Amino acid sequence: MFSKQVVLITGASSGIGAALARRLATEFSDIRLVLAARNRKKLETVANDCLKTAAEVLVVPTDITQVEQVTALANSAIEGFGRVDALVNNAGYGQMGPIELLSPEDAKRQFAVNFHGPLVLTQALIPVMRHQGGGRIINVSSLGGRLAFPTGGLYSSSKFALEALSDTLRMELESFNIKVSVVEPGPVKTDFFQVASEQLQLALPDLGETPYRALNQAIPEIEQRTSRLAWSSEQVAAVIIQALRDRHPRPRYVAATGGKTMLFLMTKLLPRQLVDIFWKRFYSINKVEQDWRSHKSSLETGVNVEMS
């Protein structure tokens, strides 16, 4: 199936995207890869690894937030190989923090990377896939695209949108033999939480002076809680390859230990109130509630306790 196939991967300089490129190159020696990400040096490192076995690799440095660069990426792939058989929209990141405190610019960038970039690239390649007789589109979402949780509101919102887009595309493109699937990783051993923590510090440097100050230590704690369940990038890449290879691909592929069970419990079985309690404790919002109750109590008793 993958003989001479052209696969375009965004976010290919590290993590899941890099693992997918290397694995495809290893398993299918005559595959042709288009690798896109912002960092040319990292992309070229991945490309050199792939070239040890792959027939051809095209590196296209791309800022997925820039429409012109996304369009140029699609054009470069077509000019380089004449077709694109599979698109893997993998580029993404997580913007963490309470919704109240995040700026409109934070929201715009989150959606630009996780939703608008994949949308523009997909739109550019649909006519190509239709003309060549079909293709595959894999959108890498997250369990956070099915489950919303505190401090991850922008991230989940962008992934919910990506999943809705995928469902719509799956129905609209079926008659053109263009198959659309979503891959939903859970925790992954990448720099996701490091990037999320850095983004949080940039967006909210004064978080400790707000009513949400208890969240200052939340991200490292969350990373510790999830580390034992985290998959490697290579494991997630294997699921993406399964979605690419399946003759009749499923709408969604869960790439997480216990992910299907969690989705069933959280969306079908457990009362909403219990689900809310679980997530509030997991993401330390319960500590924010405790601080706020103490603050209100101090006001009522006349004791001066500082609370922004």
Protein backbone atom coordinates (compact mmCIF):
# COMPACT_ATOMS: atom_id res chain seq x y z
CA MET A 1 0.00 0.00 0.00
CA PHE A 2 2.78 2.46 0.88
CA SER A 3 4.89 1.84 -2.21
CA LYS A 4 5.91 5.28 -3.52
CA GLN A 5 3.24 6.89 -1.34
CA VAL A 6 3.69 10.56 -0.43
CA VAL A 7 2.99 11.34 3.23
CA LEU A 8 3.02 14.92 4.53
CA ILE A 9 3.61 15.25 8.27
CA THR A 10 3.38 18.52 10.21
CA GLY A 11 5.10 18.93 13.55
CA ALA A 12 7.74 16.52 12.23
CA SER A 13 10.80 17.96 13.98
CA SER A 14 10.24 16.18 17.31
CA GLY A 15 7.88 14.03 19.34
CA ILE A 16 5.14 12.09 17.58
CA GLY A 17 5.79 13.64 14.17
CA ALA A 18 9.49 12.74 14.17
CA ALA A 19 8.78 9.24 15.46
CA LEU A 20 6.18 8.73 12.73
CA ALA A 21 8.57 9.88 10.00
CA ARG A 22 11.36 7.58 11.19
CA ARG A 23 9.04 4.62 11.56
CA LEU A 24 7.51 5.08 8.11
CA ALA A 25 10.99 5.35 6.60
CA THR A 26 12.10 2.19 8.37
CA GLU A 27 9.06 0.09 7.49
CA PHE A 28 8.55 1.33 3.90
CA SER A 29 11.88 1.94 2.19
CA ASP A 30 10.43 3.53 -0.95
CA ILE A 31 8.06 5.92 0.80
CA ARG A 32 8.28 9.64 0.06
CA LEU A 33 8.01 12.01 3.00
CA VAL A 34 7.26 15.72 3.26
CA LEU A 35 8.34 16.95 6.69
CA ALA A 36 7.16 20.31 8.03
CA ALA A 37 7.86 22.23 11.24
CA ARG A 38 9.33 25.59 12.21
CA ASN A 39 12.86 24.44 13.10
CA ARG A 40 14.87 23.65 9.97
CA LYS A 41 17.84 22.20 11.85
CA LYS A 42 15.69 19.70 13.76
CA LEU A 43 13.79 18.83 10.59
CA GLU A 44 17.01 18.11 8.74
CA THR A 45 18.17 15.84 11.55
CA VAL A 46 14.96 13.81 11.25
CA ALA A 47 15.24 13.86 7.46
CA ASN A 48 18.80 12.52 7.57
CA ASP A 49 17.63 9.63 9.73
CA CYS A 50 14.84 8.89 7.26
CA LEU A 51 17.13 9.10 4.24
CA LYS A 52 19.08 6.11 5.51
CA THR A 53 16.17 3.96 4.35
CA ALA A 54 13.56 6.16 2.66
CA ALA A 55 13.68 6.87 -1.06
CA GLU A 56 13.05 10.61 -0.80
CA VAL A 57 12.47 13.21 1.88
CA LEU A 58 11.42 16.82 1.32
CA VAL A 59 12.00 19.28 4.18
CA VAL A 60 9.74 22.36 4.22
CA PRO A 61 10.24 24.67 7.23
CA THR A 62 6.77 26.01 8.02
CA ASP A 63 5.14 28.15 10.68
CA ILE A 64 1.70 26.58 10.81
CA THR A 65 0.20 29.83 12.14
CA GLN A 66 1.04 31.67 8.92
CA VAL A 67 -1.52 31.03 6.17
CA GLU A 68 0.90 31.92 3.40
CA GLN A 69 3.47 29.42 4.70
CA VAL A 70 0.84 26.68 5.03
CA THR A 71 -0.27 27.25 1.45
CA ALA A 72 3.37 27.25 0.34
CA LEU A 73 3.86 23.92 2.14
CA ALA A 74 1.05 22.34 0.11
CA ASN A 75 2.46 23.79 -3.10
CA SER A 76 5.99 22.57 -2.28
CA ALA A 77 4.70 19.03 -1.70
CA ILE A 78 2.90 19.00 -5.06
CA GLU A 79 5.84 20.55 -6.90
CA GLY A 80 8.22 18.09 -5.28
CA PHE A 81 6.30 14.85 -5.70
CA GLY A 82 3.27 15.63 -7.86
CA ARG A 83 0.79 14.27 -5.32
CA VAL A 84 0.03 13.82 -1.62
CA ASP A 85 -1.45 10.45 -0.63
CA ALA A 86 -1.71 11.08 3.10
CA LEU A 87 -1.76 14.18 5.28
CA VAL A 88 -1.00 13.86 8.99
CA ASN A 89 -1.95 17.07 10.80
CA ASN A 90 0.20 16.49 13.86
CA ALA A 91 1.48 19.96 14.77
CA GLY A 92 0.02 21.20 18.04
CA TYR A 93 0.70 22.41 21.56
CA GLY A 94 -1.16 23.00 24.81
CA GLN A 95 -1.91 26.41 26.31
CA MET A 96 -2.60 25.92 30.00
CA GLY A 97 -4.16 28.30 32.50
CA PRO A 98 -7.52 29.48 33.87
CA ILE A 99 -9.77 30.84 31.13
CA GLU A 100 -10.36 34.07 33.07
CA LEU A 101 -6.68 35.00 32.90
CA LEU A 102 -5.75 34.01 29.35
CA SER A 103 -5.57 36.75 26.75
CA PRO A 104 -7.30 36.91 23.36
CA GLU A 105 -3.83 36.53 21.81
CA ASP A 106 -3.31 33.26 23.71
CA ALA A 107 -6.60 31.96 22.33
CA LYS A 108 -5.81 33.08 18.78
CA ARG A 109 -2.44 31.32 18.78
CA GLN A 110 -3.87 28.14 20.32
CA PHE A 111 -6.48 27.89 17.57
CA ALA A 112 -4.03 29.01 14.87
CA VAL A 113 -1.74 26.05 15.58
CA ASN A 114 -4.23 23.36 16.61
CA PHE A 115 -7.15 24.17 14.32
CA HIS A 116 -6.73 26.87 11.69
CA GLY A 117 -3.39 25.61 10.35
CA PRO A 118 -4.71 22.06 9.82
CA LEU A 119 -7.87 23.51 8.26
CA VAL A 120 -5.97 25.60 5.71
CA LEU A 121 -3.58 22.77 4.82
CA THR A 122 -6.45 20.30 4.43
CA GLN A 123 -8.38 22.72 2.21
CA ALA A 124 -5.31 23.15 0.01
CA LEU A 125 -4.84 19.40 -0.47
CA ILE A 126 -8.45 18.22 -0.92
CA PRO A 127 -8.58 19.11 -4.65
CA VAL A 128 -5.26 17.31 -5.18
CA MET A 129 -6.47 14.16 -3.44
CA ARG A 130 -9.78 14.25 -5.30
CA HIS A 131 -8.01 14.61 -8.66
CA GLN A 132 -5.67 11.69 -7.94
CA GLY A 133 -8.56 9.42 -6.89
CA GLY A 134 -8.38 9.53 -3.12
CA GLY A 135 -6.24 9.98 -0.06
CA ARG A 136 -6.01 9.86 3.72
CA ILE A 137 -6.25 12.64 6.27
CA ILE A 138 -5.21 11.92 9.86
CA ASN A 139 -5.84 14.63 12.42
CA VAL A 140 -3.91 14.12 15.65
CA SER A 141 -6.20 15.26 18.43
CA SER A 142 -6.13 14.15 22.07
CA LEU A 143 -8.31 12.64 24.76
CA GLY A 144 -8.61 16.34 25.57
CA GLY A 145 -10.57 16.60 22.33
CA ARG A 146 -13.31 14.51 23.95
CA LEU A 147 -12.90 15.48 27.61
CA ALA A 148 -12.59 19.07 28.85
CA PHE A 149 -10.67 19.72 32.05
CA PRO A 150 -9.72 22.71 34.24
CA THR A 151 -6.69 24.80 33.16
CA GLY A 152 -6.81 23.14 29.73
CA GLY A 153 -9.81 24.99 28.37
CA LEU A 154 -8.14 26.56 25.34
CA TYR A 155 -6.35 23.33 24.43
CA SER A 156 -9.51 21.22 24.71
CA SER A 157 -11.55 23.82 22.83
CA SER A 158 -9.11 23.71 19.91
CA LYS A 159 -9.07 19.90 19.87
CA PHE A 160 -12.88 19.69 20.17
CA ALA A 161 -12.99 21.95 17.11
CA LEU A 162 -10.49 19.75 15.26
CA GLU A 163 -12.60 16.68 15.98
CA ALA A 164 -15.76 18.40 14.76
CA LEU A 165 -13.91 19.42 11.61
CA SER A 166 -12.78 15.81 11.15
CA ASP A 167 -16.30 14.44 11.50
CA THR A 168 -17.59 16.91 8.92
CA LEU A 169 -14.76 16.20 6.49
CA ARG A 170 -15.23 12.45 6.86
CA MET A 171 -18.80 12.77 5.60
CA GLU A 172 -18.15 15.41 2.95
CA LEU A 173 -15.14 13.66 1.40
CA GLU A 174 -16.28 10.03 1.47
CA SER A 175 -17.60 10.18 -2.11
CA PHE A 176 -14.13 11.27 -3.30
CA ASN A 177 -12.45 8.26 -1.61
CA ILE A 178 -10.72 10.61 0.85
CA LYS A 179 -10.79 8.92 4.25
CA VAL A 180 -10.57 11.02 7.41
CA SER A 181 -9.67 9.74 10.88
CA VAL A 182 -8.75 11.18 14.25
CA VAL A 183 -6.01 9.80 16.51
CA GLU A 184 -6.48 10.61 20.20
CA PRO A 185 -3.35 10.22 22.34
CA GLY A 186 -3.46 10.40 26.09
CA PRO A 187 -0.30 11.38 28.02
CA VAL A 188 2.77 11.09 25.80
CA LYS A 189 6.44 11.18 26.77
CA THR A 190 7.23 14.38 24.90
CA ASP A 191 8.00 17.95 25.97
CA PHE A 192 4.25 18.74 26.06
CA PHE A 193 4.16 19.64 29.77
CA GLN A 194 7.45 21.53 29.59
CA VAL A 195 6.11 23.63 26.72
CA ALA A 196 2.78 24.05 28.54
CA SER A 197 4.60 25.22 31.66
CA GLU A 198 6.71 27.68 29.67
CA GLN A 199 3.63 28.99 27.90
CA LEU A 200 1.87 29.39 31.25
CA GLN A 201 4.77 31.39 32.67
CA LEU A 202 4.82 33.63 29.60
CA ALA A 203 1.08 34.16 29.56
CA LEU A 204 0.61 34.46 33.32
CA PRO A 205 3.86 35.55 35.01
CA ASP A 206 1.86 36.88 37.98
CA LEU A 207 -0.31 33.79 38.50
CA GLY A 208 0.85 33.64 42.13
CA GLU A 209 -0.80 36.99 42.78
CA THR A 210 -4.24 35.83 41.62
CA PRO A 211 -6.97 33.69 43.20
CA TYR A 212 -5.55 30.81 41.12
CA ARG A 213 -2.13 30.88 42.80
CA ALA A 214 -2.54 27.28 44.00
CA LEU A 215 -2.09 26.23 40.38
CA ASN A 216 1.55 27.35 40.37
CA GLN A 217 2.70 23.83 41.20
CA ALA A 218 -0.03 22.02 39.31
CA ILE A 219 1.71 21.27 36.01
CA PRO A 220 4.72 19.44 37.53
CA GLU A 221 2.32 17.48 39.74
CA ILE A 222 0.12 16.59 36.77
CA GLU A 223 3.16 15.41 34.84
CA GLN A 224 4.12 13.15 37.74
CA ARG A 225 0.60 11.72 37.95
CA THR A 226 0.46 10.92 34.26
CA SER A 227 4.05 9.76 33.71
CA ARG A 228 3.35 6.13 34.58
CA LEU A 229 0.59 5.93 31.97
CA ALA A 230 2.38 7.95 29.30
CA TRP A 231 3.02 6.33 25.92
CA SER A 232 6.14 6.85 23.91
CA SER A 233 5.96 8.83 20.69
CA GLU A 234 6.75 5.60 18.85
CA GLN A 235 3.66 3.90 20.30
CA VAL A 236 1.43 6.72 19.11
CA ALA A 237 3.16 6.66 15.72
CA ALA A 238 2.23 2.98 15.42
CA VAL A 239 -1.44 3.85 15.90
CA ILE A 240 -1.22 6.55 13.22
CA ILE A 241 0.29 4.01 10.83
CA GLN A 242 -2.55 1.63 11.62
CA ALA A 243 -5.03 4.39 10.71
CA LEU A 244 -3.13 4.97 7.47
CA ARG A 245 -3.06 1.28 6.57
CA ASP A 246 -6.56 0.15 7.52
CA ARG A 247 -8.63 -0.48 4.41
CA HIS A 248 -11.71 0.82 6.20
CA PRO A 249 -10.29 3.23 8.78
CA ARG A 250 -12.24 4.01 11.91
CA PRO A 251 -13.37 7.57 12.62
CA ARG A 252 -11.32 7.56 15.84
CA TYR A 253 -8.30 5.71 17.18
CA VAL A 254 -7.56 6.00 20.90
CA ALA A 255 -3.84 5.93 21.68
CA ALA A 256 -3.81 5.77 25.46
CA THR A 257 -3.65 3.14 28.19
CA GLY A 258 -7.20 2.69 29.44
CA GLY A 259 -8.34 5.49 27.14
CA LYS A 260 -11.48 3.77 25.88
CA THR A 261 -12.50 2.87 29.43
CA MET A 262 -11.90 6.44 30.60
CA LEU A 263 -13.99 7.86 27.76
CA PHE A 264 -16.83 5.46 28.56
CA LEU A 265 -16.75 6.30 32.26
CA MET A 266 -16.41 10.05 31.79
CA THR A 267 -18.93 10.49 28.96
CA LYS A 268 -21.44 7.67 29.44
CA LEU A 269 -21.47 6.14 32.91
CA LEU A 270 -20.49 8.51 35.70
CA PRO A 271 -22.70 11.43 36.80
CA ARG A 272 -21.41 14.78 35.61
CA GLN A 273 -20.89 15.95 39.20
CA LEU A 274 -18.48 13.09 39.95
CA VAL A 275 -16.57 13.72 36.74
CA ASP A 276 -16.22 17.40 37.67
CA ILE A 277 -14.95 16.49 41.14
CA PHE A 278 -12.37 14.13 39.66
CA TRP A 279 -10.99 16.69 37.22
CA LYS A 280 -10.95 19.48 39.80
CA ARG A 281 -8.84 17.35 42.12
CA PHE A 282 -6.59 16.10 39.32
CA TYR A 283 -5.83 19.63 38.14
CA SER A 284 -5.70 21.18 41.64
CA ILE A 285 -8.73 23.43 41.19
CA ASN A 286 -9.94 21.99 44.50
CA LYS A 287 -7.01 23.82 46.14
CA VAL A 288 -8.18 27.06 44.55
CA GLU A 289 -11.62 26.40 46.02
CA GLN A 290 -10.09 25.74 49.46
CA ASP A 291 -8.11 29.00 49.31
CA TRP A 292 -11.21 30.92 48.27
CA ARG A 293 -13.32 29.45 51.07
CA SER A 294 -10.61 30.39 53.57
CA HIS A 295 -10.54 33.91 52.17
CA LYS A 296 -14.31 34.33 52.44
CA SER A 297 -14.28 32.89 55.93
CA SER A 298 -11.58 35.35 56.99
CA LEU A 299 -13.67 38.23 55.67
CA GLU A 300 -16.65 37.05 57.66
CA THR A 301 -14.64 36.73 60.88
CA GLY A 302 -12.73 39.95 60.35
CA VAL A 303 -9.32 38.29 60.00
CA ASN A 304 -7.17 39.90 57.29
CA VAL A 305 -5.91 37.22 54.87
CA GLU A 306 -4.42 38.44 51.61
CA MET A 307 -6.22 37.20 48.49
CA SER A 308 -5.98 38.96 45.15
